[in-house]
Protein backbone atom coordinates (compact mmCIF):
# COMPACT_ATOMS: atom_id res chain seq x y z
CA MET A 1 -0.41 0.03 -0.33
CA SER A 2 1.25 2.99 -0.69
CA ARG A 3 1.10 6.65 1.28
CA THR A 4 0.13 9.71 -0.75
CA SER A 5 1.64 12.88 -0.37
CA PRO A 6 1.00 16.77 -2.18
CA PRO A 7 2.19 16.96 -5.90
CA GLY A 8 5.90 17.69 -6.03
CA SER A 9 6.86 16.39 -2.52
CA GLU A 10 9.59 14.29 -1.80
CA THR A 11 8.66 10.58 -0.10
CA SER A 12 10.17 8.10 1.19
CA THR A 13 8.86 4.02 2.00
CA MET A 14 8.29 3.47 5.47
CA PRO A 15 8.60 0.12 7.58
CA GLY A 16 5.70 -2.04 6.49
CA GLU A 17 4.46 -0.30 3.17
CA GLU A 18 5.44 -1.28 -0.33
CA ALA A 19 4.96 1.81 -2.63
CA PRO A 20 4.18 0.41 -6.29
CA PHE A 21 6.72 1.20 -9.12
CA ILE A 22 5.94 3.00 -12.31
CA GLU A 23 5.77 0.43 -15.01
CA ARG A 24 5.47 1.00 -18.62
CA GLY A 25 2.13 1.28 -20.07
CA GLY A 26 0.74 2.68 -17.06
CA PRO A 27 -0.43 6.37 -16.28
CA GLU A 28 2.43 7.59 -14.83
CA TYR A 29 5.54 6.08 -16.93
CA ARG A 30 4.72 8.96 -20.16
CA PRO A 31 5.06 11.81 -18.05
CA THR A 32 7.62 10.56 -15.80
CA MET A 33 9.31 9.47 -19.07
CA LEU A 34 8.69 12.86 -21.04
CA ALA A 35 9.80 15.02 -17.60
CA LEU A 36 13.54 13.13 -17.40
CA PHE A 37 13.62 13.53 -21.08
CA LEU A 38 12.96 17.87 -20.89
CA GLY A 39 15.70 17.34 -18.21
CA ALA A 40 18.48 15.96 -19.99
CA PHE A 41 17.43 17.87 -23.27
CA SER A 42 17.89 21.26 -21.45
CA THR A 43 20.52 20.57 -19.54
CA PHE A 44 22.71 19.04 -22.44
CA ALA A 45 21.69 21.62 -24.67
CA LEU A 46 22.47 24.34 -22.35
CA LEU A 47 26.20 22.66 -21.94
CA TYR A 48 27.00 22.55 -25.53
CA CYS A 49 25.18 25.82 -26.91
CA VAL A 50 28.17 27.90 -26.68
CA GLN A 51 30.08 25.27 -29.25
CA PRO A 52 29.01 27.24 -32.39
CA MET A 53 29.21 30.74 -30.95
CA LEU A 54 33.28 30.49 -30.20
CA PRO A 55 34.46 31.99 -32.99
CA ILE A 56 31.74 35.07 -32.52
CA LEU A 57 33.06 35.40 -29.14
CA SER A 58 36.52 35.36 -29.94
CA ASP A 59 35.73 38.31 -32.13
CA ALA A 60 33.69 40.05 -29.39
CA PHE A 61 36.23 39.83 -26.37
CA GLY A 62 39.18 39.76 -28.41
CA ILE A 63 40.78 36.70 -27.60
CA ASP A 64 42.14 34.19 -28.54
CA PRO A 65 40.62 30.49 -29.59
CA ALA A 66 42.36 28.78 -26.33
CA SER A 67 41.07 31.32 -24.05
CA THR A 68 37.21 31.06 -25.68
CA SER A 69 37.31 27.75 -25.23
CA LEU A 70 36.71 28.00 -21.46
CA VAL A 71 33.54 29.24 -21.83
CA LEU A 72 32.50 25.26 -22.44
CA SER A 73 35.68 23.32 -20.45
CA VAL A 74 34.80 25.18 -17.08
CA SER A 75 31.04 24.07 -17.33
CA THR A 76 32.10 20.81 -18.10
CA GLY A 77 34.86 20.71 -15.57
CA MET A 78 32.45 22.10 -12.87
CA LEU A 79 30.07 19.28 -13.93
CA ALA A 80 32.48 16.71 -13.47
CA VAL A 81 33.61 18.05 -9.73
CA GLY A 82 29.98 19.02 -9.28
CA LEU A 83 28.86 15.05 -9.48
CA LEU A 84 31.11 14.13 -6.85
CA MET A 85 28.73 16.12 -4.20
CA THR A 86 25.22 16.11 -5.93
CA GLY A 87 24.88 11.87 -5.95
CA PRO A 88 25.59 11.98 -1.64
CA VAL A 89 23.41 15.05 -1.13
CA SER A 90 20.28 13.73 -3.13
CA ASP A 91 21.05 10.91 -1.06
CA ALA A 92 20.07 12.78 2.16
CA LEU A 93 17.94 15.26 0.44
CA GLY A 94 15.77 13.47 -2.25
CA ARG A 95 15.77 13.37 -5.78
CA LYS A 96 13.21 15.55 -7.42
CA LYS A 97 13.80 18.60 -5.09
CA MET A 98 17.47 17.62 -6.02
CA MET A 99 16.94 17.67 -9.94
CA SER A 100 14.50 20.57 -9.76
CA LEU A 101 16.40 23.15 -8.06
CA ALA A 102 19.66 22.56 -10.25
CA LEU A 103 17.11 22.82 -13.78
CA LEU A 104 16.16 26.36 -12.48
CA SER A 105 19.32 27.35 -11.71
CA ALA A 106 21.34 26.33 -14.55
CA SER A 107 18.48 27.72 -16.61
CA ALA A 108 18.88 31.67 -14.48
CA LEU A 109 22.43 31.39 -14.52
CA THR A 110 22.41 30.69 -18.78
CA ILE A 111 20.29 33.81 -19.06
CA GLY A 112 22.28 35.78 -16.32
CA ALA A 113 25.24 35.26 -18.42
CA ALA A 114 23.89 36.83 -21.34
CA PHE A 115 23.86 39.93 -19.62
CA MET A 116 27.26 40.04 -18.69
CA GLN A 117 29.91 42.67 -20.21
CA HIS A 118 33.27 41.09 -19.00
CA TRP A 119 34.44 37.71 -20.08
CA GLY A 120 35.45 36.62 -16.49
CA ALA A 121 32.37 37.09 -15.69
CA ILE A 122 30.41 35.18 -18.34
CA LEU A 123 33.19 31.91 -17.14
CA VAL A 124 31.76 32.74 -13.34
CA MET A 125 28.27 31.99 -14.75
CA ARG A 126 29.23 29.19 -16.98
CA ALA A 127 31.52 27.61 -14.19
CA LEU A 128 28.47 28.18 -11.98
CA ALA A 129 25.80 26.52 -14.25
CA GLY A 130 28.11 23.83 -14.91
CA LEU A 131 28.15 23.08 -11.49
CA SER A 132 24.45 23.46 -11.39
CA MET A 133 23.59 20.94 -14.22
CA ALA A 134 25.45 18.08 -12.48
CA GLY A 135 22.07 18.02 -9.77
CA LEU A 136 20.27 16.64 -12.65
CA CYS A 137 22.95 14.47 -14.38
CA GLY A 138 24.02 13.01 -11.28
CA VAL A 139 20.63 12.22 -9.77
CA ALA A 140 18.31 11.25 -12.78
CA MET A 141 20.16 7.74 -12.99
CA ALA A 142 19.21 6.79 -9.37
CA TYR A 143 15.51 7.77 -9.83
CA LEU A 144 14.77 5.95 -12.42
CA ASN A 145 16.32 3.10 -10.68
CA GLU A 146 14.57 3.91 -7.65
CA GLU A 147 10.84 4.39 -9.22
CA ILE A 148 10.58 2.43 -12.60
CA HIS A 149 9.63 -1.33 -12.19
CA PRO A 150 12.87 -3.14 -12.92
CA SER A 151 11.87 -5.10 -16.06
CA PHE A 152 11.72 -1.41 -17.42
CA ILE A 153 15.00 -0.20 -16.30
CA GLY A 154 16.33 -0.52 -19.60
CA VAL A 155 14.43 0.62 -22.01
CA SER A 156 13.64 3.93 -19.93
CA MET A 157 17.16 4.51 -18.78
CA GLY A 158 17.65 4.38 -22.92
CA LEU A 159 14.85 7.02 -23.53
CA TYR A 160 16.43 9.26 -20.76
CA ILE A 161 20.13 8.69 -23.01
CA GLY A 162 18.38 9.73 -25.92
CA GLY A 163 16.97 12.84 -23.98
CA ASN A 164 21.07 13.54 -23.64
CA ALA A 165 21.85 13.29 -27.11
CA ILE A 166 18.98 15.05 -28.60
CA GLY A 167 19.86 17.89 -26.02
CA GLY A 168 23.54 18.17 -27.08
CA MET A 169 22.64 18.27 -30.75
CA SER A 170 19.98 20.72 -30.68
CA GLY A 171 21.78 22.61 -27.94
CA ARG A 172 24.65 22.78 -31.42
CA LEU A 173 22.22 23.42 -34.04
CA ILE A 174 19.81 25.70 -32.92
CA SER A 175 22.50 28.42 -31.39
CA GLY A 176 24.51 27.69 -34.81
CA VAL A 177 21.46 28.73 -36.70
CA MET A 178 20.65 31.57 -34.53
CA VAL A 179 23.64 32.70 -33.88
CA ASP A 180 23.68 33.64 -37.63
CA PHE A 181 20.43 35.40 -37.50
CA VAL A 182 20.68 37.75 -34.02
CA HIS A 183 23.02 38.73 -31.51
CA TRP A 184 25.05 35.84 -29.41
CA ARG A 185 23.63 37.59 -26.07
CA VAL A 186 20.13 36.98 -27.44
CA THR A 187 20.75 33.33 -28.65
CA LEU A 188 22.22 32.52 -25.44
CA ALA A 189 19.27 33.68 -23.30
CA THR A 190 16.71 32.33 -25.44
CA MET A 191 18.12 28.74 -24.39
CA GLY A 192 18.17 29.47 -21.30
CA ILE A 193 14.60 30.79 -21.61
CA ILE A 194 13.88 27.34 -23.71
CA SER A 195 15.82 25.55 -20.20
CA LEU A 196 13.74 27.38 -17.70
CA ILE A 197 10.10 26.79 -19.20
CA SER A 198 11.41 23.45 -19.75
CA ALA A 199 12.22 22.99 -15.73
CA ILE A 200 8.30 24.11 -14.78
CA ALA A 201 7.28 21.25 -16.94
CA PHE A 202 9.70 18.74 -15.40
CA MET A 203 8.67 19.67 -12.16
CA LYS A 204 4.76 19.65 -12.70
CA MET A 205 5.30 16.17 -14.78
CA LEU A 206 7.48 14.06 -12.68
CA PRO A 207 5.73 12.05 -9.73
CA PRO A 208 7.39 12.34 -5.99
CA SER A 209 10.00 10.04 -4.90
CA ARG A 210 8.02 6.52 -3.31
CA HIS A 211 11.24 4.55 -2.76
CA PHE A 212 13.65 7.15 -1.91
CA VAL A 213 15.18 5.73 1.59
CA PRO A 214 16.92 9.17 2.96
CA ARG A 215 20.84 8.55 4.07
CA GLN A 216 22.19 10.88 6.55
CA LEU A 217 25.24 13.36 5.14
CA SER A 218 28.30 12.36 7.04
CA VAL A 219 31.82 11.72 6.18
CA ALA A 220 31.18 8.29 7.73
CA ASN A 221 28.22 7.11 5.44
CA LEU A 222 29.96 8.81 2.30
CA ALA A 223 33.09 6.69 3.23
CA GLY A 224 31.17 3.73 3.82
CA ALA A 225 28.90 3.96 0.64
CA PHE A 226 32.35 4.28 -1.61
CA ARG A 227 34.19 1.29 -0.02
CA LEU A 228 30.95 -0.42 -0.64
CA HIS A 229 30.66 0.59 -4.29
CA PHE A 230 34.11 -0.74 -5.38
CA ARG A 231 34.18 -3.97 -2.97
CA ASP A 232 31.28 -4.68 -5.77
CA ALA A 233 31.96 -7.32 -8.27
CA GLY A 234 30.75 -5.26 -11.24
CA LEU A 235 31.02 -1.06 -10.01
CA PRO A 236 34.52 -0.17 -10.87
CA TRP A 237 34.19 -1.72 -14.05
CA LEU A 238 31.76 0.27 -14.97
CA PHE A 239 33.05 3.09 -13.71
CA LEU A 240 36.37 2.24 -15.87
CA GLU A 241 33.73 1.56 -18.78
CA ALA A 242 32.43 5.21 -18.31
CA PHE A 243 35.93 6.39 -18.86
CA LEU A 244 36.98 4.49 -21.94
CA LEU A 245 33.64 4.75 -23.70
CA MET A 246 33.24 8.64 -22.87
CA GLY A 247 36.93 9.35 -23.55
CA SER A 248 36.25 7.12 -27.24
CA PHE A 249 33.56 8.77 -28.09
CA VAL A 250 34.83 12.83 -27.51
CA THR A 251 38.29 12.28 -28.71
CA LEU A 252 36.56 10.72 -32.08
CA PHE A 253 34.42 13.61 -32.77
CA ASN A 254 37.08 16.18 -31.55
CA TYR A 255 39.53 15.58 -34.35
CA ILE A 256 37.77 13.91 -37.24
CA VAL A 257 37.19 17.72 -37.48
CA TYR A 258 40.54 18.58 -38.50
CA ARG A 259 40.45 15.55 -40.69
CA LEU A 260 37.52 16.81 -42.62
CA LEU A 261 38.92 20.48 -43.02
CA GLU A 262 41.65 19.47 -44.59
CA ALA A 263 42.75 18.04 -48.10
CA PRO A 264 41.05 16.55 -50.41
CA TYR A 265 38.01 17.13 -48.48
CA HIS A 266 37.92 20.81 -47.48
CA PHE A 267 34.41 20.76 -45.67
CA SER A 268 32.84 23.98 -44.67
CA GLN A 269 32.64 25.50 -40.48
CA THR A 270 28.19 24.75 -41.66
CA VAL A 271 29.16 21.09 -42.75
CA ILE A 272 30.95 20.24 -39.75
CA GLY A 273 28.11 21.60 -37.57
CA LEU A 274 25.62 19.21 -39.23
CA LEU A 275 28.02 16.30 -38.44
CA SER A 276 26.23 16.13 -35.34
CA ILE A 277 23.26 14.75 -36.95
CA VAL A 278 24.80 11.13 -36.83
CA TYR A 279 23.73 11.29 -32.70
CA LEU A 280 20.20 10.34 -34.67
CA SER A 281 21.89 7.23 -34.65
CA GLY A 282 22.09 7.18 -30.84
CA ILE A 283 18.89 8.73 -29.90
CA TYR A 284 17.49 5.17 -31.33
CA SER A 285 19.98 3.05 -30.20
CA SER A 286 20.15 3.99 -26.39
CA ALA A 287 16.32 3.34 -26.10
CA TRP A 288 16.35 -0.07 -28.21
CA ALA A 289 19.80 -1.58 -26.20
CA GLY A 290 17.96 -0.57 -23.38
CA GLY A 291 15.10 -2.59 -24.05
CA LEU A 292 17.16 -5.42 -25.78
CA ALA A 293 19.30 -5.91 -21.95
CA ASP A 294 16.52 -6.03 -20.30
CA ARG A 295 15.04 -9.06 -22.52
CA LEU A 296 18.43 -10.68 -22.91
CA GLY A 297 20.49 -9.64 -19.63
CA ARG A 298 23.48 -7.15 -19.77
CA PRO A 299 25.68 -9.13 -19.66
CA ARG A 300 25.04 -10.53 -22.54
CA THR A 301 24.32 -7.64 -24.59
CA PHE A 302 26.81 -5.10 -23.07
CA TRP A 303 30.03 -5.97 -24.30
CA VAL A 304 28.62 -6.53 -27.98
CA PHE A 305 28.75 -2.70 -28.70
CA ILE A 306 31.83 -1.86 -28.18
CA VAL A 307 32.52 -4.58 -31.08
CA VAL A 308 30.14 -2.00 -33.33
CA MET A 309 32.07 0.45 -31.76
CA LEU A 310 35.35 -0.77 -33.49
CA ALA A 311 33.84 -1.67 -36.47
CA GLY A 312 32.48 1.86 -37.02
CA LEU A 313 35.86 3.15 -36.27
CA GLY A 314 37.68 0.84 -38.54
CA LEU A 315 35.49 2.42 -41.25
CA THR A 316 36.34 5.88 -40.49
CA LEU A 317 39.98 5.04 -42.30
CA ALA A 318 38.31 4.92 -45.59
CA SER A 319 39.01 7.97 -47.97
CA PRO A 320 35.62 7.82 -49.55
CA VAL A 321 33.66 10.67 -47.58
CA ILE A 322 30.45 7.94 -47.36
CA MET A 323 32.35 5.75 -45.43
CA ILE A 324 33.67 7.85 -42.94
CA MET A 325 29.95 9.04 -42.18
CA ILE A 326 28.89 5.58 -42.49
CA GLY A 327 31.48 4.56 -39.60
CA MET A 328 30.82 7.50 -37.46
CA LEU A 329 26.75 6.81 -37.52
CA ILE A 330 28.36 2.98 -36.51
CA PHE A 331 30.47 4.48 -34.10
CA THR A 332 27.88 6.66 -32.36
CA PHE A 333 24.97 3.97 -32.40
CA GLY A 334 27.42 1.59 -30.62
CA PHE A 335 28.43 4.11 -27.96
CA PHE A 336 25.02 5.12 -27.00
CA ALA A 337 23.80 1.62 -26.55
CA ALA A 338 26.83 0.69 -24.39
CA HIS A 339 26.01 3.63 -22.45
CA SER A 340 22.58 3.48 -22.21
CA ILE A 341 23.39 -0.28 -20.92
CA ALA A 342 26.13 0.75 -18.79
CA SER A 343 23.57 3.51 -17.03
CA GLY A 344 21.26 1.20 -15.99
CA TRP A 345 23.71 -1.29 -15.08
CA VAL A 346 25.21 0.90 -12.37
CA GLY A 347 21.94 1.69 -10.70
CA GLN A 348 20.70 -1.91 -10.72
CA ARG A 349 24.23 -3.07 -8.73
CA ALA A 350 24.14 -0.34 -6.40
CA THR A 351 21.73 -1.46 -3.53
CA GLN A 352 22.33 1.88 -1.51
CA ALA A 353 23.77 5.20 -2.24
CA ARG A 354 22.28 4.41 -5.74
CA GLY A 355 23.73 8.76 -6.17
CA GLN A 356 26.59 7.94 -5.13
CA ALA A 357 27.03 5.26 -7.45
CA SER A 358 25.91 7.16 -10.36
CA SER A 359 27.44 10.53 -9.77
CA LEU A 360 30.47 7.87 -9.72
CA TYR A 361 30.32 6.37 -12.92
CA LEU A 362 29.23 10.06 -14.76
CA PHE A 363 32.32 11.49 -13.04
CA SER A 364 34.39 9.24 -14.70
CA TYR A 365 32.28 9.45 -17.86
CA TYR A 366 33.70 13.57 -18.08
CA LEU A 367 36.62 12.60 -16.34
CA GLY A 368 37.35 10.48 -19.67
CA SER A 369 35.79 12.73 -21.74
CA SER A 370 38.29 15.54 -20.73
CA LEU A 371 41.17 13.52 -20.61
CA ALA A 372 41.29 11.01 -23.30
CA GLY A 373 40.09 13.89 -25.47
CA THR A 374 43.19 16.32 -24.45
CA LEU A 375 45.39 13.48 -25.22
CA GLY A 376 44.35 12.46 -28.65
CA GLY A 377 45.71 15.54 -30.11
CA ALA A 378 48.94 14.50 -29.44
CA PHE A 379 48.34 11.48 -31.24
CA TRP A 380 46.73 13.66 -34.11
CA THR A 381 49.80 15.33 -34.12
CA MET A 382 52.27 12.86 -34.27
CA GLY A 383 50.15 10.35 -36.71
CA GLY A 384 47.17 12.15 -38.11
CA TRP A 385 44.22 10.28 -38.27
CA ASN A 386 45.71 7.07 -37.87
CA GLY A 387 47.12 8.29 -34.72
CA VAL A 388 44.13 9.20 -33.49
CA VAL A 389 42.38 5.82 -34.64
CA ALA A 390 45.36 3.87 -32.98
CA PHE A 391 44.42 5.66 -30.15
CA ILE A 392 40.93 5.09 -29.53
CA THR A 393 41.55 1.49 -30.64
CA ALA A 394 43.68 0.67 -27.53
CA LEU A 395 40.85 2.55 -25.28
CA LEU A 396 38.30 0.01 -26.70
CA LEU A 397 40.26 -2.90 -26.82
CA ILE A 398 40.51 -2.31 -22.71
CA ALA A 399 36.97 -1.61 -21.96
CA LEU A 400 36.17 -4.85 -24.58
CA LEU A 401 38.44 -6.69 -22.33
CA ALA A 402 36.29 -4.79 -19.35
CA GLY A 403 33.15 -5.97 -20.59
CA LEU A 404 34.00 -9.96 -21.06
CA ARG A 405 35.19 -8.88 -17.23
CA LEU A 406 31.84 -8.30 -16.71
CA ARG A 407 30.19 -10.78 -19.06
CA ARG A 408 30.96 -13.26 -16.13
CA LEU A 409 28.41 -11.73 -13.96
CA THR A 410 24.82 -13.80 -14.06
CA GLU A 411 22.61 -11.34 -12.29
CA ASP A 412 22.29 -7.64 -12.34
CA ILE A 413 21.66 -6.98 -8.39
CA PRO A 414 24.76 -8.79 -6.13
CA GLY A 415 22.83 -11.53 -4.52
């Protein structure tokens, strides 16, 4: 029997109570997934909307490209740092409250950044926005694993990951088109307003938690949960997978641009920007692979998509543009499928402090983006695209070995 609560409140399960899970096809499933989709869309649209504006910002403030790139890197850096905090904080305060505050803050800070007159002030606002975004990224997976029926975790996590992909793609495309017609400040403020509207819809649609059990926020509890996660047979390997897979993905997209700008391709910046359309294959694969994992099991399916990434990577070595594009599509398909399965797997294996487990996974994810994505530049300098492919191949082979190690796990939830 479940306890009723006012709309928008956070509840927890009391001894002797059995609150129902949200099931696919039930009345709450669609609004739940739409709310989380909007939350993911808003977060990643805000994160990446500045990328097409970088040349314009360089001209507006008279700074070099490396300094201009900080408008994105300070956000991703603070997002990674914030992930170490937001999961444990949500374990104490509640999931919906944390995510709602995160979306409202990130939207307001983005709108505020549009009105800042000094470059340093814009960077401060972007850093704070990145920190705020961690409040949704580090908590949404825990909410899904607690509130969705275990039979539908995979497909539900896939839909959420699809929202990430659409947000990242749309943030680049919308701002890239707008900034050709209106001032960059108007573009940035518009993205913040869109996110603010999405945040309000998120708060109205997302059901309150029913299975959340608060944990006291203390150093002892944090350390105990940390030890618990790293003693698990699967979680440390999943954290490693997050680092390797995201590192591979970002490295490919960072440096394929340089290849396509050079001879014999000489792509324009506009065409390069449209490369984000390949994310559409990941939007499909994230939900499809999650459903497949629900039916066949994560240990059986996860490693297969690392092989798919390797196959797509190999095709990018070809010279014809069509083969390169097909390779990117296959690589993206495999990445989002693997990420979707791993994300759901983390929440299933973490029987306690799920917010912290999700945060550790995503911290590894963004750490891989930062470190591997930067290190790939050295391989580009030394060996061009062949050097980058060799580096990514090494990362994916390690990921495949870890995936085969995870394949030995016969249960998603440790018994």
